[in-house]
Amino acid sequence: MEIESATAAALLGAASAMVIVAMTLRLRETLAADGFSTAAVVAGGLLALAIGVRVPQRFAVWLCETAWRRFVRRGRAWSGVLVDPAVVDRPLHWLVLSVITLIAGVSAALLPLAAATAGMIQAWMQEHFVWSFDSSAAVAACLGFTALVAPLGALGLAISGAHHLGCRFGQWDNRATAWVLFGAGLGAPLARGIADASGRPDLALLAAALPVLVTTLLAAWLGASGNARSTVERKPEPVPLPVWSDRWPTLLRAGIVAVGGGSACAMTVWMSRLSGGVGAIAWMILFLGVGVLAGSATRWSGPRSIGGFGVTCVVAGLSVALGRLVMGDAPDAVVGLVFACTAVAAIGFATAYGRETLLSRVASRSAAGATILARLLVCAAFSAWFAAPLAVRVFGYTAALMMLALSLVALGGILIIHEPGSAPAARRVRLTLVFGSMAALPAFAFLPASPSTTPPVRESTFPAREPDATHHASTGAKSRVSRPSDR
């Protein structure tokens, strides 16, 4: 992957994280306390990114199909206008990326106005209608998503373009996801630091537009430079064809999405249990990027297999189960963060391995890569908003982690069983690993760590200080025990 495309992907990831963090802090001040939900704002941001990744691609496919039916099927000689799929016009890609990032930067610069408008709409609705806590939270989530959909949708489209630019064939490079995560891990604490230093989240929102505009300048320069245009004159390499048949398409795709959503679930559970605020989530995002980069390495002895993907899922499940050792009543923040980062990195490696397995089995890598990335963002959004908080509230922190570990190990076993081309000896070794892991999970569950009760869920992803439990007890609001205290 070229340094220019990696830099662009990192800048786009930093801008996305800064927009989500700064908008969360801004809406916390704007919206009423009963209607604010940090998890809802984060989930809305991830959904907006998924829309930007997937919807424009679907529109382009629909447009091409319509043009094909209208011109080619009617017998007209339009074959001369068809683009050679083997030619990668990188300068054109960079120029298109510069236009998209310019739109994203302008939209991000207008976010303070969008947040103020959302606050006025919410205040008017609170004044003229009677809302329960759940309905008020739903209204706040819809307002936050509406404010974020324009800039993050454009950023999602730009991130999809960065994945194309990172591939020498102009199709899809999963390593761009790792660089996006690296940028997000640095951008999240930067936005929080700007907001804390100035006391104004609006400045953090304005600062989020700077990485996007820098990407615009970089893309415009690369698109217009003579050095970039000289790459088109060279004879391109042939487009890679699938090296294996896609025998279990639904299982493979569902497994990738499930494992990727498990990373968001694990980070949410760890953030609910450990202190550290945005710094802790930044470290986990960075280690998730390390795992994705390692799993996307191109120098392997052979094609990726479904059974190998299953083995990585089993290892990820065992890594999550190790986190149970430090999930006592008062877990140490540093030790817990080390275990969390290790588990998240293992999940990232498994997700990237599965994505590479899929790309080696499809003809259109661009379509498959964009589809999986969009589904991963949607699954991560709902995992952070619904699945992880619900599991913690009902079962507790320890049980939530053990359920996630058991799910990963079970998924790995299913993938190993459905491996079509595995040698009998390799399959026996892999199944032995699966059954050994299944037998070890109960031992992890009963190790002599302090049993975790089910305390109130700390919902905020970016806490400024520890919640005041006495304040909740004094108010007597039994239906709002799980809501975070006002910061």
Protein backbone atom coordinates (compact mmCIF):
# COMPACT_ATOMS: atom_id res chain seq x y z
CA MET A 1 0.00 0.00 0.00
CA GLU A 2 1.43 3.37 -1.03
CA ILE A 3 2.29 5.98 1.57
CA GLU A 4 -0.07 8.51 -0.04
CA SER A 5 -3.14 6.29 0.17
CA ALA A 6 -2.22 5.20 3.72
CA THR A 7 -1.89 8.84 4.78
CA ALA A 8 -5.23 9.71 3.21
CA ALA A 9 -6.93 6.78 4.97
CA ALA A 10 -5.42 7.77 8.33
CA LEU A 11 -6.55 11.39 7.92
CA LEU A 12 -10.07 10.28 7.03
CA GLY A 13 -10.19 7.99 10.06
CA ALA A 14 -8.99 10.80 12.33
CA ALA A 15 -11.64 13.14 10.93
CA SER A 16 -14.41 10.56 11.42
CA ALA A 17 -13.44 9.92 15.06
CA MET A 18 -13.12 13.65 15.77
CA VAL A 19 -16.58 14.31 14.31
CA ILE A 20 -18.20 11.56 16.41
CA VAL A 21 -16.44 12.49 19.66
CA ALA A 22 -16.94 16.24 19.26
CA MET A 23 -20.58 15.82 18.25
CA THR A 24 -21.16 13.62 21.27
CA LEU A 25 -19.77 16.30 23.59
CA ARG A 26 -21.73 19.02 21.78
CA LEU A 27 -25.06 17.21 21.90
CA ARG A 28 -24.51 16.40 25.57
CA GLU A 29 -24.68 20.14 26.24
CA THR A 30 -27.44 20.87 23.74
CA LEU A 31 -29.97 18.10 24.27
CA ALA A 32 -31.87 17.52 27.47
CA ALA A 33 -30.35 15.12 29.99
CA ASP A 34 -33.25 12.69 29.79
CA GLY A 35 -32.90 12.36 26.04
CA PHE A 36 -29.16 12.08 25.66
CA SER A 37 -27.45 8.79 24.88
CA THR A 38 -23.77 8.59 24.03
CA ALA A 39 -24.14 5.11 22.60
CA ALA A 40 -26.93 6.31 20.32
CA VAL A 41 -24.78 9.12 18.93
CA VAL A 42 -21.83 6.76 18.32
CA ALA A 43 -24.13 4.22 16.69
CA GLY A 44 -25.64 6.95 14.52
CA GLY A 45 -22.18 7.97 13.38
CA LEU A 46 -21.27 4.40 12.43
CA LEU A 47 -24.55 4.01 10.54
CA ALA A 48 -23.87 7.24 8.65
CA LEU A 49 -20.43 5.91 7.67
CA ALA A 50 -22.05 2.68 6.47
CA ILE A 51 -24.50 4.66 4.34
CA GLY A 52 -21.62 6.53 2.74
CA VAL A 53 -19.77 3.30 1.99
CA ARG A 54 -22.69 1.33 0.54
CA VAL A 55 -25.39 3.61 -0.91
CA PRO A 56 -23.27 5.40 -3.56
CA GLN A 57 -21.91 2.06 -4.73
CA ARG A 58 -25.41 0.64 -5.10
CA PHE A 59 -26.45 3.75 -7.00
CA ALA A 60 -23.48 3.40 -9.37
CA VAL A 61 -24.34 -0.25 -10.01
CA TRP A 62 -27.95 0.65 -10.71
CA LEU A 63 -26.86 3.41 -13.08
CA CYS A 64 -24.54 1.08 -14.99
CA GLU A 65 -27.23 -1.59 -15.28
CA THR A 66 -29.71 0.97 -16.58
CA ALA A 67 -27.23 2.25 -19.16
CA TRP A 68 -26.43 -1.30 -20.26
CA ARG A 69 -30.11 -2.15 -20.78
CA ARG A 70 -30.74 1.07 -22.65
CA PHE A 71 -27.78 1.17 -25.04
CA VAL A 72 -26.20 -2.27 -25.37
CA ARG A 73 -29.29 -4.47 -25.45
CA ARG A 74 -30.84 -2.32 -28.17
CA GLY A 75 -28.06 -3.26 -30.55
CA ARG A 76 -26.25 0.06 -30.58
CA ALA A 77 -22.48 0.04 -31.05
CA TRP A 78 -21.48 1.45 -27.69
CA SER A 79 -18.65 -0.97 -27.03
CA GLY A 80 -16.11 1.77 -27.67
CA VAL A 81 -17.15 3.69 -24.58
CA LEU A 82 -16.71 0.74 -22.24
CA VAL A 83 -13.79 1.25 -19.89
CA ASP A 84 -11.02 -1.31 -19.84
CA PRO A 85 -11.21 -2.83 -16.34
CA ALA A 86 -7.48 -3.49 -16.37
CA VAL A 87 -6.59 0.22 -16.61
CA VAL A 88 -6.38 2.03 -13.27
CA ASP A 89 -6.64 5.80 -13.72
CA ARG A 90 -5.23 6.83 -10.36
CA PRO A 91 -5.11 10.57 -11.09
CA LEU A 92 -8.84 10.50 -11.78
CA HIS A 93 -9.42 8.57 -8.55
CA TRP A 94 -7.45 11.17 -6.60
CA LEU A 95 -9.37 14.04 -8.17
CA VAL A 96 -12.70 12.39 -7.35
CA LEU A 97 -11.49 11.83 -3.79
CA SER A 98 -10.56 15.51 -3.52
CA VAL A 99 -14.08 16.54 -4.51
CA ILE A 100 -15.67 14.13 -2.03
CA THR A 101 -13.43 15.22 0.84
CA LEU A 102 -14.11 18.88 0.03
CA ILE A 103 -17.83 18.22 0.45
CA ALA A 104 -17.13 16.32 3.67
CA GLY A 105 -14.94 19.14 5.02
CA VAL A 106 -17.56 21.82 4.35
CA SER A 107 -20.25 19.63 5.95
CA ALA A 108 -18.04 19.06 9.01
CA ALA A 109 -17.41 22.81 9.34
CA LEU A 110 -21.20 23.36 9.45
CA LEU A 111 -21.70 20.84 12.27
CA PRO A 112 -21.95 23.52 15.04
CA LEU A 113 -24.92 25.00 13.21
CA ALA A 114 -26.44 21.53 12.77
CA ALA A 115 -26.01 20.80 16.50
CA ALA A 116 -27.64 24.10 17.46
CA THR A 117 -30.56 23.38 15.12
CA ALA A 118 -30.98 19.90 16.64
CA GLY A 119 -31.04 21.47 20.11
CA MET A 120 -33.74 23.94 19.13
CA ILE A 121 -35.88 21.20 17.58
CA GLN A 122 -35.51 19.03 20.66
CA ALA A 123 -36.35 21.91 23.01
CA TRP A 124 -39.48 22.73 20.99
CA MET A 125 -40.62 19.10 21.05
CA GLN A 126 -39.99 18.83 24.80
CA GLU A 127 -42.03 21.95 25.38
CA HIS A 128 -45.05 20.97 23.30
CA PHE A 129 -45.23 17.22 23.95
CA VAL A 130 -44.94 14.83 26.87
CA TRP A 131 -42.16 12.30 26.41
CA SER A 132 -41.13 9.22 28.34
CA PHE A 133 -37.47 8.45 28.84
CA ASP A 134 -37.31 5.85 26.06
CA SER A 135 -39.16 7.96 23.50
CA SER A 136 -37.09 11.02 24.38
CA ALA A 137 -33.90 9.00 23.90
CA ALA A 138 -35.17 7.81 20.51
CA VAL A 139 -35.87 11.40 19.44
CA ALA A 140 -32.38 12.47 20.53
CA ALA A 141 -30.85 9.58 18.61
CA CYS A 142 -32.73 10.53 15.45
CA LEU A 143 -31.65 14.17 15.79
CA GLY A 144 -28.03 13.17 16.30
CA PHE A 145 -28.10 10.86 13.29
CA THR A 146 -29.67 13.58 11.13
CA ALA A 147 -26.94 16.03 12.13
CA LEU A 148 -24.17 13.51 11.39
CA VAL A 149 -25.41 11.87 8.20
CA ALA A 150 -24.12 14.53 5.78
CA PRO A 151 -20.46 14.80 6.88
CA LEU A 152 -20.02 11.17 7.91
CA GLY A 153 -21.81 9.91 4.81
CA ALA A 154 -19.32 11.83 2.67
CA LEU A 155 -16.46 10.56 4.83
CA GLY A 156 -17.71 6.99 4.39
CA LEU A 157 -17.63 7.43 0.63
CA ALA A 158 -14.11 8.88 0.88
CA ILE A 159 -12.99 5.94 3.04
CA SER A 160 -14.32 3.57 0.41
CA GLY A 161 -12.26 5.45 -2.18
CA ALA A 162 -9.16 5.12 -0.01
CA HIS A 163 -9.61 1.34 -0.06
CA HIS A 164 -9.58 1.44 -3.87
CA LEU A 165 -6.52 3.66 -4.05
CA GLY A 166 -4.57 1.36 -1.75
CA CYS A 167 -4.93 -1.58 -4.15
CA ARG A 168 -2.56 -1.71 -7.10
CA PHE A 169 -5.38 -3.18 -9.17
CA GLY A 170 -7.73 -0.36 -8.19
CA GLN A 171 -10.21 -2.74 -6.53
CA TRP A 172 -10.01 -3.16 -2.74
CA ASP A 173 -7.25 -3.25 -0.13
CA ASN A 174 -8.20 -4.26 3.40
CA ARG A 175 -5.07 -2.65 4.82
CA ALA A 176 -6.74 0.74 4.35
CA THR A 177 -9.13 -0.24 7.16
CA ALA A 178 -6.16 -0.56 9.51
CA TRP A 179 -4.92 2.92 8.61
CA VAL A 180 -8.42 4.31 9.13
CA LEU A 181 -8.41 2.75 12.60
CA PHE A 182 -4.97 4.19 13.34
CA GLY A 183 -6.25 7.63 12.45
CA ALA A 184 -9.39 7.13 14.53
CA GLY A 185 -7.31 6.06 17.53
CA LEU A 186 -5.37 9.32 17.33
CA GLY A 187 -8.29 11.56 16.40
CA ALA A 188 -10.59 10.58 19.28
CA PRO A 189 -8.31 11.80 22.13
CA LEU A 190 -7.34 14.84 20.04
CA ALA A 191 -10.96 15.96 19.77
CA ARG A 192 -11.53 15.36 23.48
CA GLY A 193 -8.36 17.29 24.34
CA ILE A 194 -9.39 20.28 22.21
CA ALA A 195 -12.84 20.33 23.80
CA ASP A 196 -11.46 20.09 27.35
CA ALA A 197 -8.76 22.70 26.78
CA SER A 198 -11.09 25.26 25.24
CA GLY A 199 -14.27 24.37 27.10
CA ARG A 200 -16.13 24.58 23.79
CA PRO A 201 -16.97 21.42 21.80
CA ASP A 202 -17.69 23.63 18.79
CA LEU A 203 -13.95 24.19 18.39
CA ALA A 204 -13.43 20.43 18.28
CA LEU A 205 -16.10 20.20 15.57
CA LEU A 206 -14.34 22.86 13.54
CA ALA A 207 -10.99 21.14 14.11
CA ALA A 208 -12.48 17.91 12.73
CA ALA A 209 -12.74 19.60 9.33
CA LEU A 210 -8.98 20.22 9.16
CA PRO A 211 -7.86 16.60 8.44
CA VAL A 212 -10.50 16.39 5.72
CA LEU A 213 -9.30 19.58 4.07
CA VAL A 214 -5.70 18.38 4.28
CA THR A 215 -6.81 15.21 2.49
CA THR A 216 -8.49 17.40 -0.14
CA LEU A 217 -5.24 19.26 -0.81
CA LEU A 218 -3.22 16.02 -0.90
CA ALA A 219 -5.66 14.33 -3.28
CA ALA A 220 -5.86 17.38 -5.56
CA TRP A 221 -2.06 17.62 -5.73
CA LEU A 222 -1.65 13.91 -6.49
CA GLY A 223 -4.41 14.02 -9.09
CA ALA A 224 -2.91 16.98 -10.93
CA SER A 225 0.80 16.09 -10.63
CA GLY A 226 2.73 14.73 -13.58
CA ASN A 227 4.24 11.93 -11.47
CA ALA A 228 0.80 10.47 -10.75
CA ARG A 229 -0.19 10.60 -14.42
CA SER A 230 2.92 8.73 -15.48
CA THR A 231 1.63 5.63 -13.69
CA VAL A 232 -1.19 5.29 -16.22
CA GLU A 233 1.20 4.96 -19.16
CA ARG A 234 2.73 1.77 -17.79
CA LYS A 235 1.15 -1.49 -18.81
CA PRO A 236 -1.13 -2.55 -15.94
CA GLU A 237 -0.99 -5.93 -14.32
CA PRO A 238 -3.85 -8.34 -15.03
CA VAL A 239 -6.75 -8.19 -12.64
CA PRO A 240 -6.54 -11.11 -10.16
CA LEU A 241 -9.10 -13.84 -10.56
CA PRO A 242 -10.63 -15.94 -7.74
CA VAL A 243 -8.30 -18.66 -6.52
CA TRP A 244 -10.98 -20.74 -4.79
CA SER A 245 -14.68 -21.38 -5.20
CA ASP A 246 -17.10 -19.63 -2.88
CA ARG A 247 -18.63 -22.80 -1.46
CA TRP A 248 -20.30 -21.32 1.65
CA PRO A 249 -20.95 -17.66 0.79
CA THR A 250 -23.58 -16.94 3.43
CA LEU A 251 -21.65 -18.60 6.25
CA LEU A 252 -18.39 -16.87 5.37
CA ARG A 253 -19.92 -13.41 5.08
CA ALA A 254 -22.03 -13.81 8.22
CA GLY A 255 -18.98 -15.02 10.13
CA ILE A 256 -16.93 -11.99 9.11
CA VAL A 257 -19.69 -9.58 10.15
CA ALA A 258 -20.27 -11.42 13.44
CA VAL A 259 -16.59 -11.37 14.40
CA GLY A 260 -16.25 -7.70 13.46
CA GLY A 261 -19.31 -6.84 15.52
CA GLY A 262 -17.76 -8.78 18.38
CA SER A 263 -14.92 -6.25 18.52
CA ALA A 264 -17.41 -3.42 19.15
CA CYS A 265 -19.17 -5.57 21.75
CA ALA A 266 -15.91 -6.33 23.56
CA MET A 267 -14.82 -2.68 23.58
CA THR A 268 -18.21 -1.60 24.91
CA VAL A 269 -18.09 -4.14 27.75
CA TRP A 270 -14.54 -3.15 28.68
CA MET A 271 -15.40 0.56 28.58
CA SER A 272 -18.41 -0.08 30.84
CA ARG A 273 -16.16 -1.77 33.37
CA LEU A 274 -12.88 0.13 33.25
CA SER A 275 -12.12 3.77 33.79
CA GLY A 276 -9.97 5.73 31.41
CA GLY A 277 -12.42 7.51 29.17
CA VAL A 278 -11.53 8.29 25.60
CA GLY A 279 -7.86 7.37 26.18
CA ALA A 280 -8.78 3.73 26.84
CA ILE A 281 -11.03 3.49 23.79
CA ALA A 282 -8.27 5.08 21.70
CA TRP A 283 -5.78 2.40 22.76
CA MET A 284 -8.28 -0.34 21.90
CA ILE A 285 -8.95 1.18 18.48
CA LEU A 286 -5.22 1.38 17.80
CA PHE A 287 -4.70 -2.28 18.73
CA LEU A 288 -7.70 -3.22 16.62
CA GLY A 289 -5.91 -1.55 13.71
CA VAL A 290 -2.74 -3.52 14.51
CA GLY A 291 -4.72 -6.75 14.34
CA VAL A 292 -6.38 -5.78 11.07
CA LEU A 293 -3.03 -4.81 9.52
CA ALA A 294 -1.46 -8.12 10.59
CA GLY A 295 -4.41 -10.12 9.29
CA SER A 296 -4.35 -8.27 5.95
CA ALA A 297 -0.70 -9.07 5.24
CA THR A 298 -0.29 -10.18 1.65
CA ARG A 299 2.77 -12.42 2.09
CA TRP A 300 1.26 -15.80 2.88
CA SER A 301 2.32 -19.22 1.70
CA GLY A 302 -1.05 -19.94 0.09
CA PRO A 303 -4.66 -18.79 -0.22
CA ARG A 304 -6.64 -18.18 2.92
CA SER A 305 -8.99 -20.98 3.93
CA ILE A 306 -12.29 -21.05 5.78
CA GLY A 307 -10.75 -23.47 8.28
CA GLY A 308 -7.92 -21.03 8.94
CA PHE A 309 -10.49 -18.32 9.53
CA GLY A 310 -12.15 -20.63 12.05
CA VAL A 311 -8.85 -21.12 13.89
CA THR A 312 -8.39 -17.35 14.19
CA CYS A 313 -11.92 -17.08 15.61
CA VAL A 314 -11.09 -19.71 18.24
CA VAL A 315 -7.91 -17.86 19.23
CA ALA A 316 -9.88 -14.61 19.45
CA GLY A 317 -12.45 -16.29 21.69
CA LEU A 318 -9.73 -17.56 24.02
CA SER A 319 -8.22 -14.06 24.16
CA VAL A 320 -11.58 -12.62 25.18
CA ALA A 321 -12.01 -15.33 27.81
CA LEU A 322 -8.68 -14.36 29.39
CA GLY A 323 -10.23 -11.00 30.19
CA ARG A 324 -12.38 -12.72 32.79
CA LEU A 325 -9.29 -13.00 35.01
CA VAL A 326 -9.31 -9.25 35.72
CA MET A 327 -13.07 -8.64 35.78
CA GLY A 328 -13.45 -8.47 39.55
CA ASP A 329 -15.35 -5.91 41.58
CA ALA A 330 -12.52 -3.38 41.30
CA PRO A 331 -10.50 -4.23 38.19
CA ASP A 332 -7.12 -2.66 37.72
CA ALA A 333 -7.33 -0.18 34.85
CA VAL A 334 -3.87 -0.81 33.39
CA VAL A 335 -4.03 -4.62 33.57
CA GLY A 336 -7.58 -4.63 32.27
CA LEU A 337 -6.61 -2.37 29.38
CA VAL A 338 -3.77 -4.72 28.44
CA PHE A 339 -6.12 -7.71 28.34
CA ALA A 340 -8.71 -5.69 26.42
CA CYS A 341 -6.20 -4.51 23.81
CA THR A 342 -4.90 -8.06 23.34
CA ALA A 343 -8.41 -9.45 22.84
CA VAL A 344 -9.40 -6.66 20.46
CA ALA A 345 -6.23 -7.16 18.41
CA ALA A 346 -6.99 -10.89 18.12
CA ILE A 347 -10.54 -10.11 16.95
CA GLY A 348 -9.19 -7.62 14.44
CA PHE A 349 -6.77 -10.23 13.08
CA ALA A 350 -9.60 -12.75 12.72
CA THR A 351 -11.82 -10.21 10.95
CA ALA A 352 -9.08 -9.25 8.49
CA TYR A 353 -8.23 -12.90 7.85
CA GLY A 354 -11.87 -13.60 7.05
CA ARG A 355 -12.10 -10.61 4.72
CA GLU A 356 -9.00 -11.75 2.83
CA THR A 357 -10.51 -15.23 2.62
CA LEU A 358 -13.62 -13.76 1.04
CA LEU A 359 -11.73 -11.55 -1.44
CA SER A 360 -9.83 -14.57 -2.76
CA ARG A 361 -13.17 -16.24 -3.61
CA VAL A 362 -15.05 -13.48 -5.45
CA ALA A 363 -14.65 -11.95 -8.90
CA SER A 364 -15.64 -8.38 -7.94
CA ARG A 365 -13.43 -7.54 -4.98
CA SER A 366 -14.58 -3.95 -4.95
CA ALA A 367 -18.27 -4.83 -4.51
CA ALA A 368 -17.56 -7.55 -1.92
CA GLY A 369 -15.18 -5.35 0.07
CA ALA A 370 -17.56 -2.39 0.22
CA THR A 371 -20.50 -4.60 1.15
CA ILE A 372 -18.65 -6.29 4.01
CA LEU A 373 -17.29 -2.98 5.32
CA ALA A 374 -20.77 -1.45 5.38
CA ARG A 375 -22.20 -4.50 7.15
CA LEU A 376 -19.37 -4.41 9.69
CA LEU A 377 -20.17 -0.78 10.51
CA VAL A 378 -23.88 -1.54 10.91
CA CYS A 379 -23.18 -4.57 13.12
CA ALA A 380 -20.74 -2.55 15.23
CA ALA A 381 -23.33 0.21 15.66
CA PHE A 382 -26.05 -2.11 16.94
CA SER A 383 -23.59 -4.08 19.07
CA ALA A 384 -22.44 -0.92 20.86
CA TRP A 385 -25.97 0.47 21.18
CA PHE A 386 -28.09 -2.60 22.04
CA ALA A 387 -26.32 -5.94 22.32
CA ALA A 388 -23.45 -5.16 24.70
CA PRO A 389 -25.38 -2.90 27.15
CA LEU A 390 -28.26 -5.38 27.25
CA ALA A 391 -25.95 -8.34 27.90
CA VAL A 392 -24.17 -6.45 30.70
CA ARG A 393 -27.42 -5.34 32.27
CA VAL A 394 -29.00 -8.80 32.22
CA PHE A 395 -26.01 -11.11 32.81
CA GLY A 396 -23.20 -8.94 34.19
CA TYR A 397 -19.75 -8.08 32.90
CA THR A 398 -18.14 -11.49 33.35
CA ALA A 399 -21.00 -13.40 31.77
CA ALA A 400 -21.13 -10.96 28.85
CA LEU A 401 -17.45 -11.56 28.08
CA MET A 402 -17.79 -15.32 28.46
CA MET A 403 -20.82 -15.35 26.14
CA LEU A 404 -18.82 -13.46 23.52
CA ALA A 405 -15.87 -15.84 23.90
CA LEU A 406 -18.15 -18.89 23.62
CA SER A 407 -19.78 -17.44 20.50
CA LEU A 408 -16.41 -16.88 18.82
CA VAL A 409 -15.20 -20.39 19.63
CA ALA A 410 -18.47 -21.93 18.42
CA LEU A 411 -18.31 -19.91 15.20
CA GLY A 412 -14.75 -21.09 14.68
CA GLY A 413 -15.85 -24.72 15.07
CA ILE A 414 -18.65 -24.27 12.52
CA LEU A 415 -16.24 -22.70 10.03
CA ILE A 416 -13.70 -25.52 10.48
CA ILE A 417 -16.38 -28.16 9.92
CA HIS A 418 -17.48 -26.48 6.68
CA GLU A 419 -13.97 -26.20 5.25
CA PRO A 420 -14.31 -27.89 1.81
CA GLY A 421 -10.65 -28.55 1.01
CA SER A 422 -9.05 -29.34 4.33
CA ALA A 423 -6.82 -32.37 4.76
CA PRO A 424 -8.08 -34.92 7.31
CA ALA A 425 -5.04 -34.48 9.57
CA ALA A 426 -5.36 -30.68 9.57
CA ARG A 427 -9.09 -30.90 10.28
CA ARG A 428 -8.49 -33.24 13.23
CA VAL A 429 -5.93 -30.83 14.70
CA ARG A 430 -8.27 -27.89 14.27
CA LEU A 431 -11.24 -29.71 15.77
CA THR A 432 -9.07 -30.76 18.71
CA LEU A 433 -8.30 -27.09 19.26
CA VAL A 434 -12.00 -26.25 19.16
CA PHE A 435 -13.06 -28.95 21.64
CA GLY A 436 -10.12 -28.14 23.89
CA SER A 437 -11.16 -24.49 23.89
CA MET A 438 -14.77 -25.42 24.65
CA ALA A 439 -13.54 -27.45 27.60
CA ALA A 440 -11.27 -24.63 28.80
CA LEU A 441 -13.96 -21.94 28.78
CA PRO A 442 -15.75 -23.31 31.89
CA ALA A 443 -12.39 -23.33 33.65
CA PHE A 444 -11.98 -19.63 32.82
CA ALA A 445 -15.47 -19.00 34.17
CA PHE A 446 -14.72 -20.65 37.53
CA LEU A 447 -11.22 -19.32 38.12
CA PRO A 448 -10.88 -17.61 41.52
CA ALA A 449 -11.41 -14.03 40.40
CA SER A 450 -13.74 -11.74 42.26
CA PRO A 451 -17.30 -12.43 41.13
CA SER A 452 -18.78 -9.58 39.15
CA THR A 453 -22.15 -8.39 40.21
CA THR A 454 -24.36 -6.34 37.93
CA PRO A 455 -23.80 -2.72 38.85
CA PRO A 456 -25.39 0.11 36.89
CA VAL A 457 -24.13 0.27 33.34
CA ARG A 458 -21.93 3.28 32.68
CA GLU A 459 -23.31 4.18 29.30
CA SER A 460 -21.09 7.08 28.35
CA THR A 461 -18.17 6.22 26.12
CA PHE A 462 -16.33 9.46 26.87
CA PRO A 463 -16.79 10.05 30.62
CA ALA A 464 -15.37 13.15 32.23
CA ARG A 465 -15.44 11.66 35.72
CA GLU A 466 -16.84 8.68 37.57
CA PRO A 467 -20.63 8.61 37.95
CA ASP A 468 -21.97 9.78 41.27
CA ALA A 469 -23.85 6.78 42.59
CA THR A 470 -25.19 8.69 45.59
CA HIS A 471 -26.85 11.14 43.26
CA HIS A 472 -28.82 8.30 41.64
CA ALA A 473 -29.80 6.95 45.01
CA SER A 474 -31.00 10.33 46.23
CA THR A 475 -33.15 11.05 43.20
CA GLY A 476 -34.94 7.72 43.51
CA ALA A 477 -35.44 7.43 39.76
CA LYS A 478 -35.68 3.67 39.58
CA SER A 479 -36.40 3.59 35.88
CA ARG A 480 -33.21 5.54 35.16
CA VAL A 481 -30.65 3.59 37.14
CA SER A 482 -28.70 2.64 34.02
CA ARG A 483 -28.54 6.19 32.72
CA PRO A 484 -25.16 7.91 33.24
CA SER A 485 -25.01 10.85 35.58
CA ASP A 486 -24.74 14.31 34.13
CA ARG A 487 -21.26 15.38 33.59
